[in-house]
Amino acid sequence: MGNNKLIKLHLGCGTIILDGYVNIDILPAQGVDVISDVRKLVGYGDASVDEVYLSHVLEHFSWKDTH
């Protein structure tokens, strides 16, 4: 049997750590699993993630970052 564990990313988590998610932020903090700029996130290919959650993150991106 294969690994059926869902891959769920919490992007820009800051200090809000969610159980069951890979918590990712640009700044190190307690509970952050991966320190990375989510605009250049590597290690996850197309269709390799089951869920992505982010809150209060998009407003930090410039127009150029999103287009």
Protein backbone atom coordinates (compact mmCIF):
# COMPACT_ATOMS: atom_id res chain seq x y z
CA MET A 1 0.00 0.00 0.00
CA GLY A 2 1.17 3.53 -0.79
CA ASN A 3 1.45 6.53 1.43
CA ASN A 4 -2.02 8.13 1.64
CA LYS A 5 -0.96 11.07 3.83
CA LEU A 6 -2.22 14.36 2.44
CA ILE A 7 0.31 17.11 1.79
CA LYS A 8 -1.09 20.37 3.14
CA LEU A 9 0.85 23.63 3.08
CA HIS A 10 0.29 26.63 5.35
CA LEU A 11 1.99 29.48 3.51
CA GLY A 12 3.09 32.59 5.36
CA CYS A 13 2.22 31.01 8.69
CA GLY A 14 4.13 33.43 10.91
CA THR A 15 3.49 32.29 14.49
CA ILE A 16 0.17 30.57 13.66
CA ILE A 17 1.13 26.91 13.49
CA LEU A 18 -1.44 24.45 12.14
CA ASP A 19 -1.32 20.75 12.99
CA GLY A 20 -1.23 18.50 9.96
CA TYR A 21 0.26 21.19 7.73
CA VAL A 22 3.76 21.98 6.56
CA ASN A 23 4.05 25.46 8.10
CA ILE A 24 6.11 27.72 5.85
CA ASP A 25 7.27 31.29 6.46
CA ILE A 26 10.04 33.59 5.26
CA LEU A 27 11.13 34.24 8.87
CA PRO A 28 12.20 31.62 11.40
CA ALA A 29 9.84 31.15 14.32
CA GLN A 30 8.96 28.39 16.74
CA GLY A 31 6.97 25.73 14.91
CA VAL A 32 7.86 26.84 11.38
CA ASP A 33 8.74 23.71 9.40
CA VAL A 34 10.25 25.35 6.31
CA ILE A 35 11.85 28.78 6.04
CA SER A 36 11.25 29.96 2.49
CA ASP A 37 9.95 32.85 0.43
CA VAL A 38 6.58 31.50 -0.75
CA ARG A 39 6.92 33.45 -4.01
CA LYS A 40 9.82 31.16 -4.92
CA LEU A 41 8.79 28.00 -3.10
CA VAL A 42 10.76 24.97 -4.28
CA GLY A 43 10.36 21.32 -3.50
CA TYR A 44 6.74 20.97 -4.55
CA GLY A 45 6.01 20.14 -8.17
CA ASP A 46 2.84 20.67 -10.13
CA ALA A 47 -0.11 18.77 -8.62
CA SER A 48 2.05 17.46 -5.74
CA VAL A 49 0.11 19.18 -2.94
CA ASP A 50 -3.40 18.36 -1.76
CA GLU A 51 -4.20 21.63 0.00
CA VAL A 52 -2.77 25.13 0.32
CA TYR A 53 -3.89 27.52 3.06
CA LEU A 54 -2.82 31.13 3.45
CA SER A 55 -4.30 34.06 5.31
CA HIS A 56 -3.12 37.67 5.31
CA VAL A 57 -0.37 36.85 2.81
CA LEU A 58 -1.42 38.08 -0.64
CA GLU A 59 -1.49 41.72 0.44
CA HIS A 60 2.29 41.50 0.98
CA PHE A 61 2.92 40.70 -2.70
CA SER A 62 3.57 43.43 -5.22
CA TRP A 63 1.65 43.64 -8.49
CA LYS A 64 4.79 42.40 -10.25
CA ASP A 65 4.97 39.34 -7.96
CA THR A 66 1.49 38.24 -8.98
CA HIS A 67 1.69 38.74 -12.74
